[in-house]
């Protein structure tokens, strides 16, 4: 008997309801490009520099 057989219902539910992003897909690109709210926050807080992309992270 498979010791993991009790997990099959949980794994089936996860497989049905979860979307997995590819490692080379849009998730990595989304982390590199700031969204409109992040750009506005940096411009309003004065942390944006000319000719450099806005930073990502908790430095505010």
Protein backbone atom coordinates (compact mmCIF):
# COMPACT_ATOMS: atom_id res chain seq x y z
CA UNK A 1 0.00 0.00 0.00
CA UNK A 2 1.21 3.49 -0.89
CA UNK A 3 1.90 5.56 2.28
CA UNK A 4 0.93 8.70 0.40
CA UNK A 5 -2.44 7.40 -0.77
CA UNK A 6 -4.25 9.41 1.91
CA UNK A 7 -2.98 12.57 0.21
CA UNK A 8 -4.57 11.76 -3.14
CA UNK A 9 -7.83 13.70 -2.54
CA UNK A 10 -5.85 16.78 -1.44
CA UNK A 11 -3.49 16.54 -4.39
CA UNK A 12 -6.40 16.10 -6.79
CA UNK A 13 -8.05 19.25 -5.41
CA UNK A 14 -4.81 21.20 -5.74
CA UNK A 15 -4.30 19.98 -9.30
CA UNK A 16 -7.80 21.06 -10.23
CA UNK A 17 -7.78 24.51 -8.60
CA UNK A 18 -4.18 25.75 -8.81
CA UNK A 19 -2.34 27.34 -11.68
CA UNK A 20 1.42 26.91 -11.82
CA UNK A 21 3.42 29.60 -13.60
CA UNK A 22 6.30 28.47 -15.77
CA UNK A 23 9.74 29.30 -14.41
CA UNK A 24 10.71 31.30 -17.47
CA UNK A 25 7.35 32.92 -18.03
CA UNK A 26 5.61 36.09 -17.03
CA UNK A 27 6.16 35.75 -13.30
CA UNK A 28 9.86 36.60 -13.54
CA UNK A 29 9.17 39.45 -15.95
CA UNK A 30 6.45 40.83 -13.67
CA UNK A 31 8.96 41.00 -10.82
CA UNK A 32 11.42 42.98 -12.95
CA UNK A 33 8.97 45.55 -14.31
CA UNK A 34 7.32 47.75 -11.64
CA UNK A 35 3.61 48.28 -11.98
CA UNK A 36 1.95 51.70 -12.14
CA UNK A 37 1.33 51.89 -8.38
CA UNK A 38 4.98 51.14 -7.59
CA UNK A 39 6.17 53.82 -10.04
CA UNK A 40 3.77 56.36 -8.52
CA UNK A 41 4.87 55.50 -4.98
CA UNK A 42 8.52 56.00 -5.84
CA UNK A 43 7.89 59.26 -7.67
CA UNK A 44 5.78 60.64 -4.82
CA UNK A 45 8.24 59.53 -2.13
CA UNK A 46 11.20 61.05 -3.97
CA UNK A 47 13.09 57.77 -4.28
CA UNK A 48 13.05 57.70 -8.08
CA UNK A 49 16.30 58.59 -9.82
CA UNK A 50 16.76 59.82 -13.36
CA UNK A 51 17.80 57.20 -15.91
CA UNK A 52 17.53 54.27 -13.51
CA UNK A 53 14.67 51.82 -13.11
CA UNK A 54 12.68 52.02 -9.88
CA UNK A 55 13.92 49.68 -7.19
CA UNK A 56 11.94 46.69 -5.98
CA UNK A 57 11.75 45.99 -2.31
CA UNK A 58 10.98 47.43 1.08
CA UNK A 59 13.27 50.44 1.07
CA UNK A 60 10.97 53.41 1.54
